């Protein structure tokens, strides 16, 4: 299914992929895996960058400060005098590059990959070396001689565990699942950032449209105030009409000031999310006019039931709970294996008294260790991890319910706003016609100033309702895509 472009900025949120959760790993006895345990994890990422889009970097002036510890210390450094107009698509790509939360997720992925490398190292032999140098004074009381005896000893030892009752393989598999969990977390945070960026961007667009509407209302109120003053001076109007026009103008000016403040707040909120330099301020592209709505808006083609099933199949949060369950299962196996038989091989070569009468010895053999009694500590650790696996199962079920609610909430909001947009478009046409008629009736002497004031307010309200419904539709469309998409 191809999802249409969002009608405001023509951004594509991507195709929808269906993911079938992988089966959980089979129980493994001993250290012999059913499939290669060490090399089965692809080395996909060194810094996690391949999880980001391979698109050209944004302009240099929009990139975040490479030093995250840098704090501006002068007014010039925080003066937002560089205004940039960004589309929604450009804003989303920029937040992928700059946002600190996503960078933290990538660093956590690096940590998980390092932990996997550490777990893999258990399958390699361990080679150690040591050397001892000693000096000892020997007193000969009979001959009254003081001698200093020195010696230098060296040792090289090789150890390799050939059997750990399954502890190594369980640890490696848990580390592999942790890497997958971290990759899923990067994906989840990208999805959340996309939705949050779209939501704040629409807030910025809405504040800009409210400024346009309120500014037009102020201009109309000023014209109306001047006309009423002229009518009063000509003797065909009253002071009451002038006062009513003054009140309408003052109210319109207050609404304009409030919308301007909302725009400033939305700009800084978007700049915060995008982690822009402190001197940059953002403007959004304008909203498409109501008359172009039918040709431009995105249509959701799936039914509610199809959307819910798609969300169940594709949501990364469900995959995360399965990964967490597998991590806990493998950690429980590793905890039990700690009390199982442990068999290792060793070989060592030793040099004694290298400074004098040097001699060397070597030996090799096998070692067997097994904990007979530990007070139940290993079993207790295993039960803790088994409880964590059960918790992950319950959280999977809870997440399943949450996914359904998010899909239904976004779907119903989308449909209601779709109807509201159509109603608001019709209302704008009617309110515009009503205002024209009210002015004609006033000029002809058969209407009242109250009719004009009422018509002006109704037109402003209708335009505001259309903007709210149109951007509400876009927000719901973005939320619905987030609710079902991978």
Protein backbone atom coordinates (compact mmCIF):
# COMPACT_ATOMS: atom_id res chain seq x y z
CA UNK A 1 0.00 0.00 0.00
CA UNK A 2 1.29 3.45 -0.87
CA UNK A 3 0.28 6.13 1.58
CA UNK A 4 -0.38 9.56 0.11
CA UNK A 5 1.75 12.59 0.81
CA UNK A 6 0.73 14.72 3.73
CA UNK A 7 -1.09 17.62 2.15
CA UNK A 8 0.67 20.36 4.07
CA UNK A 9 4.27 19.67 3.21
CA UNK A 10 4.15 16.58 0.99
CA UNK A 11 6.22 14.38 3.27
CA UNK A 12 6.17 10.61 2.89
CA UNK A 13 6.33 8.69 6.14
CA UNK A 14 7.43 5.53 4.35
CA UNK A 15 5.99 2.19 3.31
CA UNK A 16 4.52 -0.16 5.86
CA UNK A 17 6.41 -3.37 6.57
CA UNK A 18 5.01 -6.53 8.11
CA UNK A 19 7.25 -8.18 10.69
CA UNK A 20 6.60 -11.65 12.07
CA UNK A 21 8.21 -11.99 15.53
CA UNK A 22 10.97 -14.63 15.49
CA UNK A 23 10.57 -17.82 17.46
CA UNK A 24 12.33 -17.92 20.76
CA UNK A 25 15.56 -19.87 20.96
CA UNK A 26 15.48 -23.57 21.79
CA UNK A 27 16.73 -24.81 25.11
CA UNK A 28 20.43 -25.63 24.97
CA UNK A 29 22.13 -28.20 27.16
CA UNK A 30 25.83 -27.85 27.59
CA UNK A 31 28.05 -25.65 25.45
CA UNK A 32 27.20 -27.14 22.05
CA UNK A 33 24.76 -24.77 20.32
CA UNK A 34 22.09 -25.83 17.86
CA UNK A 35 23.44 -23.16 15.53
CA UNK A 36 26.72 -21.19 15.52
CA UNK A 37 26.45 -18.98 18.61
CA UNK A 38 29.31 -16.59 18.03
CA UNK A 39 29.24 -15.68 14.39
CA UNK A 40 25.48 -15.67 13.86
CA UNK A 41 25.11 -12.02 14.84
CA UNK A 42 25.91 -9.81 11.84
CA UNK A 43 28.29 -6.96 12.48
CA UNK A 44 25.78 -4.44 11.14
CA UNK A 45 26.87 -1.37 12.97
CA UNK A 46 29.96 0.17 14.43
CA UNK A 47 28.32 3.43 15.50
CA UNK A 48 24.70 2.74 14.64
CA UNK A 49 24.84 5.16 11.70
CA UNK A 50 23.40 2.65 9.24
CA UNK A 51 20.10 2.89 11.11
CA UNK A 52 19.85 6.50 9.95
CA UNK A 53 18.85 7.56 6.49
CA UNK A 54 21.75 7.86 4.08
CA UNK A 55 20.69 11.30 2.94
CA UNK A 56 22.92 14.36 2.51
CA UNK A 57 23.63 16.26 5.68
CA UNK A 58 21.65 19.45 6.33
CA UNK A 59 23.36 22.82 5.83
CA UNK A 60 26.27 23.42 8.17
CA UNK A 61 24.52 26.30 9.93
CA UNK A 62 21.71 23.94 11.01
CA UNK A 63 23.95 21.25 12.48
CA UNK A 64 24.22 20.99 16.24
CA UNK A 65 27.31 22.15 18.10
CA UNK A 66 29.79 19.24 17.98
CA UNK A 67 30.70 19.98 21.60
CA UNK A 68 27.66 19.02 23.71
CA UNK A 69 29.22 20.65 26.78
CA UNK A 70 29.45 24.09 25.18
CA UNK A 71 27.34 26.73 26.99
CA UNK A 72 26.73 30.14 25.33
CA UNK A 73 28.24 32.92 27.41
CA UNK A 74 27.24 36.12 25.58
CA UNK A 75 24.09 37.71 24.21
CA UNK A 76 25.36 37.41 20.65
CA UNK A 77 25.54 33.65 21.01
CA UNK A 78 21.84 33.36 21.95
CA UNK A 79 20.44 36.07 19.68
CA UNK A 80 18.14 34.21 17.26
CA UNK A 81 18.62 36.43 14.20
CA UNK A 82 19.02 33.73 11.52
CA UNK A 83 15.56 32.72 10.27
CA UNK A 84 15.28 29.53 8.21
CA UNK A 85 12.18 28.15 6.49
CA UNK A 86 11.99 24.37 6.70
CA UNK A 87 9.56 21.89 5.25
CA UNK A 88 8.33 19.09 7.49
CA UNK A 89 10.41 16.59 5.57
CA UNK A 90 13.58 18.66 6.09
CA UNK A 91 12.77 19.10 9.78
CA UNK A 92 12.45 15.34 10.27
CA UNK A 93 15.74 14.64 8.51
CA UNK A 94 17.38 17.33 10.64
CA UNK A 95 16.13 15.86 13.90
CA UNK A 96 17.57 12.47 12.88
CA UNK A 97 20.98 14.12 12.66
CA UNK A 98 20.86 16.52 15.63
CA UNK A 99 18.54 15.16 18.31
CA UNK A 100 20.32 14.20 21.54
CA UNK A 101 17.84 11.50 22.51
CA UNK A 102 18.53 9.60 19.31
CA UNK A 103 22.27 10.03 19.77
CA UNK A 104 21.94 8.50 23.23
CA UNK A 105 20.12 5.51 21.71
CA UNK A 106 22.96 5.04 19.24
CA UNK A 107 25.53 5.18 22.04
CA UNK A 108 23.51 2.60 23.99
CA UNK A 109 23.65 0.42 20.89
CA UNK A 110 27.42 0.75 20.89
CA UNK A 111 27.44 -0.36 24.52
CA UNK A 112 25.39 -3.44 23.67
CA UNK A 113 27.72 -4.32 20.81
CA UNK A 114 30.74 -4.00 23.11
CA UNK A 115 29.01 -6.27 25.65
CA UNK A 116 28.43 -8.83 22.88
CA UNK A 117 32.11 -8.71 21.95
CA UNK A 118 32.96 -9.29 25.60
CA UNK A 119 30.65 -12.31 25.76
CA UNK A 120 32.16 -13.73 22.57
CA UNK A 121 35.62 -13.45 24.09
CA UNK A 122 34.72 -16.29 26.47
CA UNK A 123 35.11 -18.71 23.53
CA UNK A 124 38.77 -17.73 23.11
CA UNK A 125 41.74 -18.99 25.14
CA UNK A 126 43.16 -16.70 27.80
CA UNK A 127 46.93 -16.23 27.78
CA UNK A 128 48.59 -14.63 30.80
CA UNK A 129 52.18 -13.92 31.68
CA UNK A 130 53.90 -12.85 34.88
CA UNK A 131 57.41 -12.20 36.15
CA UNK A 132 58.87 -11.92 39.65
CA UNK A 133 62.11 -10.14 40.53
CA UNK A 134 63.32 -10.41 44.11
CA UNK A 135 66.42 -9.22 45.96
CA UNK A 136 67.26 -10.63 49.38
CA UNK A 137 70.11 -9.76 51.73
CA UNK A 138 71.83 -12.76 53.37
CA UNK A 139 73.91 -12.13 56.55
CA UNK A 140 76.84 -14.48 57.31
CA UNK A 141 77.70 -13.81 60.97
CA UNK A 142 80.66 -16.21 60.98
CA UNK A 143 82.45 -14.50 58.10
CA UNK A 144 80.91 -11.09 58.68
CA UNK A 145 79.73 -10.95 55.07
CA UNK A 146 76.57 -9.37 53.71
CA UNK A 147 75.43 -10.79 50.35
CA UNK A 148 72.45 -9.79 48.27
CA UNK A 149 70.78 -12.67 46.42
CA UNK A 150 68.69 -11.74 43.37
CA UNK A 151 66.37 -13.91 41.32
CA UNK A 152 64.10 -13.49 38.29
CA UNK A 153 61.24 -15.89 37.55
CA UNK A 154 58.82 -15.81 34.59
CA UNK A 155 55.65 -17.67 33.71
CA UNK A 156 53.40 -18.00 30.65
CA UNK A 157 50.01 -19.71 31.11
CA UNK A 158 47.20 -20.61 28.72
CA UNK A 159 43.66 -21.39 29.94
CA UNK A 160 40.69 -22.48 27.88
CA UNK A 161 37.27 -23.51 29.12
CA UNK A 162 35.97 -26.42 27.08
CA UNK A 163 32.72 -26.96 29.00
CA UNK A 164 30.73 -24.51 31.13
CA UNK A 165 27.37 -26.27 31.37
CA UNK A 166 25.94 -23.86 28.81
CA UNK A 167 26.89 -20.67 30.64
CA UNK A 168 28.91 -19.16 27.79
CA UNK A 169 26.37 -19.82 25.07
CA UNK A 170 23.55 -18.46 27.24
CA UNK A 171 25.56 -15.32 27.94
CA UNK A 172 26.32 -14.82 24.24
CA UNK A 173 22.70 -15.31 23.26
CA UNK A 174 21.56 -12.84 25.91
CA UNK A 175 24.10 -10.32 24.59
CA UNK A 176 22.89 -10.90 21.03
CA UNK A 177 19.32 -10.22 22.08
CA UNK A 178 20.47 -7.09 23.91
CA UNK A 179 22.00 -5.82 20.68
CA UNK A 180 18.73 -6.52 18.88
CA UNK A 181 16.83 -4.79 21.68
CA UNK A 182 19.08 -1.74 21.33
CA UNK A 183 18.58 -1.68 17.56
CA UNK A 184 14.83 -1.83 18.09
CA UNK A 185 15.13 1.03 20.58
CA UNK A 186 16.91 3.16 17.98
CA UNK A 187 14.06 2.43 15.58
CA UNK A 188 11.44 3.22 18.22
CA UNK A 189 13.05 6.53 19.12
CA UNK A 190 13.26 7.46 15.44
CA UNK A 191 9.54 6.79 15.11
CA UNK A 192 8.75 8.83 18.20
CA UNK A 193 10.96 11.67 16.97
CA UNK A 194 9.20 11.64 13.60
CA UNK A 195 5.80 11.93 15.24
CA UNK A 196 6.92 14.54 17.76
CA UNK A 197 8.57 16.62 15.04
CA UNK A 198 5.45 16.47 12.89
CA UNK A 199 3.23 17.44 15.84
CA UNK A 200 5.34 20.45 16.84
CA UNK A 201 5.73 21.46 13.19
CA UNK A 202 1.94 21.49 12.81
CA UNK A 203 1.74 23.61 15.98
CA UNK A 204 4.07 26.09 14.30
CA UNK A 205 1.99 26.05 11.13
CA UNK A 206 -1.20 26.56 13.11
CA UNK A 207 0.25 29.53 14.99
CA UNK A 208 1.29 31.07 11.66
CA UNK A 209 -2.19 30.61 10.24
CA UNK A 210 -3.76 32.08 13.36
CA UNK A 211 -1.52 35.14 12.95
CA UNK A 212 -2.68 35.50 9.35
CA UNK A 213 -6.35 35.17 10.34
CA UNK A 214 -6.07 37.53 13.32
CA UNK A 215 -4.08 40.08 11.33
CA UNK A 216 -6.81 40.09 8.65
CA UNK A 217 -9.39 40.48 11.42
CA UNK A 218 -7.45 43.44 12.86
CA UNK A 219 -7.31 45.10 9.45
CA UNK A 220 -11.03 44.56 8.97
CA UNK A 221 -11.74 45.89 12.49
CA UNK A 222 -9.61 48.98 11.82
CA UNK A 223 -11.49 49.66 8.59
CA UNK A 224 -14.77 49.17 10.39
CA UNK A 225 -13.68 51.50 13.20
CA UNK A 226 -12.73 54.23 10.70
CA UNK A 227 -16.03 53.88 8.83
CA UNK A 228 -18.04 54.20 12.02
CA UNK A 229 -16.09 57.27 13.08
CA UNK A 230 -16.77 58.87 9.69
CA UNK A 231 -20.46 58.01 9.96
CA UNK A 232 -20.63 59.57 13.42
CA UNK A 233 -18.94 62.73 12.17
CA UNK A 234 -21.39 62.86 9.25
CA UNK A 235 -24.33 62.52 11.63
CA UNK A 236 -25.51 59.15 10.31
CA UNK A 237 -23.84 57.06 13.02
CA UNK A 238 -23.81 56.95 16.77
CA UNK A 239 -21.19 57.00 19.48
CA UNK A 240 -22.45 53.57 20.51
CA UNK A 241 -21.43 52.13 17.10
CA UNK A 242 -17.98 53.70 17.45
CA UNK A 243 -17.51 52.21 20.90
CA UNK A 244 -18.54 48.78 19.66
CA UNK A 245 -16.02 49.04 16.83
CA UNK A 246 -13.31 50.12 19.29
CA UNK A 247 -13.99 47.07 21.48
CA UNK A 248 -13.87 44.75 18.47
CA UNK A 249 -10.53 46.23 17.37
CA UNK A 250 -9.03 45.87 20.86
CA UNK A 251 -10.14 42.24 21.07
CA UNK A 252 -8.70 41.52 17.62
CA UNK A 253 -5.37 43.08 18.59
CA UNK A 254 -5.20 40.97 21.76
CA UNK A 255 -5.87 37.78 19.76
CA UNK A 256 -3.10 38.77 17.32
CA UNK A 257 -0.61 39.30 20.16
CA UNK A 258 -1.48 35.92 21.67
CA UNK A 259 -1.03 34.12 18.35
CA UNK A 260 2.34 35.84 17.84
CA UNK A 261 3.46 34.63 21.26
CA UNK A 262 2.28 31.10 20.42
CA UNK A 263 4.36 31.20 17.25
CA UNK A 264 7.49 32.21 19.15
CA UNK A 265 6.97 29.38 21.63
CA UNK A 266 6.37 26.84 18.85
CA UNK A 267 9.52 28.01 17.05
CA UNK A 268 11.69 27.56 20.12
CA UNK A 269 10.07 24.22 20.91
CA UNK A 270 10.89 22.96 17.42
CA UNK A 271 14.42 24.37 17.64
CA UNK A 272 14.84 22.54 20.95
CA UNK A 273 13.73 19.22 19.45
CA UNK A 274 15.94 19.69 16.39
CA UNK A 275 18.85 20.77 18.65
CA UNK A 276 19.55 23.75 16.41
CA UNK A 277 22.24 26.34 17.08
CA UNK A 278 20.96 28.99 19.47
CA UNK A 279 21.12 31.72 16.82
CA UNK A 280 18.74 29.94 14.40
CA UNK A 281 14.96 30.37 14.37
CA UNK A 282 12.59 28.27 12.26
CA UNK A 283 9.63 29.16 10.08
CA UNK A 284 7.18 26.63 8.65
CA UNK A 285 5.80 26.43 5.15
CA UNK A 286 2.27 27.82 4.74
CA UNK A 287 -0.84 25.66 4.89
CA UNK A 288 -2.53 24.89 1.59
CA UNK A 289 -5.66 26.96 1.00
CA UNK A 290 -9.08 25.43 1.76
CA UNK A 291 -10.07 25.36 -1.92
CA UNK A 292 -7.16 23.01 -2.67
CA UNK A 293 -7.97 20.58 0.13
CA UNK A 294 -9.74 17.89 -1.90
CA UNK A 295 -6.87 17.62 -4.40
CA UNK A 296 -4.09 17.62 -1.82
CA UNK A 297 -5.02 15.85 1.40
CA UNK A 298 -3.84 12.32 2.22
CA UNK A 299 -6.45 9.59 2.39
CA UNK A 300 -6.18 6.58 4.66
CA UNK A 301 -7.07 3.54 2.57
CA UNK A 302 -7.21 0.84 5.25
CA UNK A 303 -10.22 -0.10 7.33
CA UNK A 304 -10.03 0.11 11.11
CA UNK A 305 -9.67 -3.67 11.41
CA UNK A 306 -6.87 -3.78 8.82
CA UNK A 307 -5.09 -0.95 10.61
CA UNK A 308 -5.27 -2.74 13.97
CA UNK A 309 -3.87 -5.98 12.54
CA UNK A 310 -1.09 -4.08 10.80
CA UNK A 311 -0.18 -2.42 14.08
CA UNK A 312 -0.03 -5.81 15.81
CA UNK A 313 2.36 -7.11 13.14
CA UNK A 314 4.62 -4.09 12.70
CA UNK A 315 5.02 -2.27 16.01
CA UNK A 316 8.58 -2.34 17.23
CA UNK A 317 7.50 -2.18 20.88
CA UNK A 318 6.09 -5.70 20.64
CA UNK A 319 9.38 -6.94 19.23
CA UNK A 320 11.16 -5.29 22.14
CA UNK A 321 9.14 -7.24 24.70
CA UNK A 322 9.93 -10.51 22.92
CA UNK A 323 13.61 -9.60 22.91
CA UNK A 324 13.48 -8.73 26.62
CA UNK A 325 11.81 -12.07 27.34
CA UNK A 326 14.56 -13.93 25.50
CA UNK A 327 17.27 -11.97 27.34
CA UNK A 328 15.80 -12.95 30.70
CA UNK A 329 15.41 -16.59 29.61
CA UNK A 330 19.07 -16.82 28.58
CA UNK A 331 20.24 -15.07 31.73
CA UNK A 332 18.28 -17.60 33.80
CA UNK A 333 20.08 -20.43 31.99
CA UNK A 334 23.44 -18.78 32.63
CA UNK A 335 22.60 -18.45 36.34
CA UNK A 336 21.76 -22.15 36.62
CA UNK A 337 24.89 -23.13 34.69
CA UNK A 338 27.08 -21.37 37.26
CA UNK A 339 26.57 -24.38 39.57
CA UNK A 340 27.11 -26.95 36.84
CA UNK A 341 30.34 -28.76 35.99
CA UNK A 342 33.11 -26.53 34.62
CA UNK A 343 35.93 -28.16 32.67
CA UNK A 344 38.98 -26.32 31.37
CA UNK A 345 42.40 -27.01 29.89
CA UNK A 346 45.61 -25.29 30.92
CA UNK A 347 49.26 -25.23 29.89
CA UNK A 348 52.07 -23.25 31.44
CA UNK A 349 55.77 -22.75 30.97
CA UNK A 350 57.93 -21.43 33.82
CA UNK A 351 61.49 -20.10 34.00
CA UNK A 352 63.15 -20.05 37.42
CA UNK A 353 66.21 -18.03 38.48
CA UNK A 354 66.95 -16.55 35.06
CA UNK A 355 69.82 -14.44 36.52
CA UNK A 356 71.79 -17.38 37.90
CA UNK A 357 71.24 -21.09 37.47
CA UNK A 358 68.33 -20.92 35.08
CA UNK A 359 65.88 -23.80 34.97
CA UNK A 360 62.58 -24.22 33.17
CA UNK A 361 59.55 -26.39 33.68
CA UNK A 362 56.30 -26.86 31.87
CA UNK A 363 53.06 -28.56 32.64
CA UNK A 364 49.63 -29.02 31.16
CA UNK A 365 46.42 -30.67 32.17
CA UNK A 366 42.70 -30.30 32.77
CA UNK A 367 40.73 -28.73 35.59
CA UNK A 368 37.30 -29.65 36.91
CA UNK A 369 35.23 -27.37 39.12
CA UNK A 370 31.70 -27.63 40.41
CA UNK A 371 29.87 -25.73 43.13
CA UNK A 372 28.21 -28.23 45.45
CA UNK A 373 26.56 -25.84 47.90
CA UNK A 374 26.01 -22.09 47.52
CA UNK A 375 23.02 -21.63 49.78
CA UNK A 376 20.64 -21.49 46.81
CA UNK A 377 22.12 -18.27 45.37
CA UNK A 378 22.28 -19.55 41.78
CA UNK A 379 18.71 -20.84 41.87
CA UNK A 380 17.57 -17.50 43.31
CA UNK A 381 19.29 -15.60 40.49
CA UNK A 382 17.63 -17.90 37.96
CA UNK A 383 14.21 -17.31 39.52
CA UNK A 384 14.75 -13.55 39.30
CA UNK A 385 15.38 -13.79 35.57
CA UNK A 386 12.42 -16.14 35.10
CA UNK A 387 10.25 -13.54 36.82
CA UNK A 388 11.65 -10.91 34.43
CA UNK A 389 10.65 -13.14 31.50
CA UNK A 390 7.11 -13.42 32.91
CA UNK A 391 7.04 -9.64 33.34
CA UNK A 392 8.00 -9.21 29.68
CA UNK A 393 5.10 -11.48 28.69
CA UNK A 394 2.64 -9.38 30.68
CA UNK A 395 4.10 -6.19 29.22
CA UNK A 396 3.72 -7.69 25.74
CA UNK A 397 0.02 -8.19 26.42
CA UNK A 398 -0.28 -4.67 27.83
CA UNK A 399 1.55 -3.24 24.81
CA UNK A 400 -0.82 -5.12 22.52
CA UNK A 401 -3.78 -3.38 24.15
CA UNK A 402 -1.97 -0.04 23.94
CA UNK A 403 -1.28 -0.50 20.24
CA UNK A 404 -4.95 -1.19 19.55
CA UNK A 405 -6.02 1.87 21.52
CA UNK A 406 -3.51 4.11 19.73
CA UNK A 407 -4.70 2.87 16.33
CA UNK A 408 -8.36 3.34 17.22
CA UNK A 409 -7.76 6.77 18.81
CA UNK A 410 -5.88 8.04 15.75
CA UNK A 411 -8.35 6.44 13.32
CA UNK A 412 -11.45 7.95 14.92
CA UNK A 413 -9.74 11.34 15.29
CA UNK A 414 -8.75 11.21 11.62
CA UNK A 415 -12.30 10.49 10.45
CA UNK A 416 -13.87 13.17 12.65
CA UNK A 417 -11.39 15.80 11.50
CA UNK A 418 -11.99 14.80 7.89
CA UNK A 419 -15.66 15.62 8.32
CA UNK A 420 -14.84 18.80 10.26
CA UNK A 421 -12.59 20.02 7.43
CA UNK A 422 -15.38 19.67 4.88
CA UNK A 423 -17.84 21.39 7.18
CA UNK A 424 -15.40 24.22 7.94
CA UNK A 425 -14.70 24.81 4.23
CA UNK A 426 -18.41 25.22 3.58
CA UNK A 427 -18.76 27.49 6.61
CA UNK A 428 -15.98 29.78 5.38
CA UNK A 429 -17.80 30.30 2.08
CA UNK A 430 -21.05 31.03 3.89
CA UNK A 431 -19.41 33.38 6.43
CA UNK A 432 -17.62 35.30 3.65
CA UNK A 433 -20.90 35.79 1.79
CA UNK A 434 -22.66 36.81 5.02
CA UNK A 435 -20.02 39.49 5.73
CA UNK A 436 -20.35 40.92 2.23
CA UNK A 437 -24.12 41.09 2.60
CA UNK A 438 -23.85 42.68 6.05
CA UNK A 439 -21.61 45.46 4.67
CA UNK A 440 -23.95 46.03 1.71
CA UNK A 441 -26.95 46.21 4.02
CA UNK A 442 -25.15 48.67 6.30
CA UNK A 443 -24.17 50.89 3.34
CA UNK A 444 -27.76 50.77 2.08
CA UNK A 445 -29.08 51.82 5.49
CA UNK A 446 -31.11 48.64 6.05
CA UNK A 447 -28.57 46.83 8.23
CA UNK A 448 -26.92 47.51 11.54
CA UNK A 449 -23.37 47.74 12.78
CA UNK A 450 -24.06 44.75 15.01
CA UNK A 451 -24.70 42.63 11.91
CA UNK A 452 -21.27 43.54 10.52
CA UNK A 453 -19.49 42.86 13.80
CA UNK A 454 -21.21 39.49 14.13
CA UNK A 455 -20.39 38.52 10.54
CA UNK A 456 -16.74 39.47 10.95
CA UNK A 457 -16.43 37.39 14.13
CA UNK A 458 -18.15 34.41 12.51
CA UNK A 459 -15.79 34.52 9.52
CA UNK A 460 -12.75 34.64 11.78
CA UNK A 461 -14.09 31.74 13.82
CA UNK A 462 -14.82 29.71 10.67
CA UNK A 463 -11.30 30.23 9.34
CA UNK A 464 -9.83 29.25 12.71
CA UNK A 465 -12.00 26.13 12.79
CA UNK A 466 -10.81 25.14 9.35
CA UNK A 467 -7.14 25.50 10.32
CA UNK A 468 -7.71 23.49 13.51
CA UNK A 469 -9.56 20.75 11.64
CA UNK A 470 -7.05 20.58 8.76
CA UNK A 471 -4.00 20.43 11.01
CA UNK A 472 -5.87 18.11 13.37
CA UNK A 473 -6.38 15.79 10.42
CA UNK A 474 -2.67 15.94 9.64
CA UNK A 475 -1.75 15.23 13.26
CA UNK A 476 -4.12 12.27 13.34
CA UNK A 477 -2.75 10.99 10.03
CA UNK A 478 0.81 11.13 11.41
CA UNK A 479 -0.31 9.45 14.65
CA UNK A 480 -2.07 6.69 12.70
CA UNK A 481 1.02 6.07 10.61
CA UNK A 482 3.07 5.88 13.81
CA UNK A 483 0.54 3.50 15.36
CA UNK A 484 0.76 0.95 12.54
CA UNK A 485 4.15 1.39 10.92
CA UNK A 486 7.57 -0.08 11.38
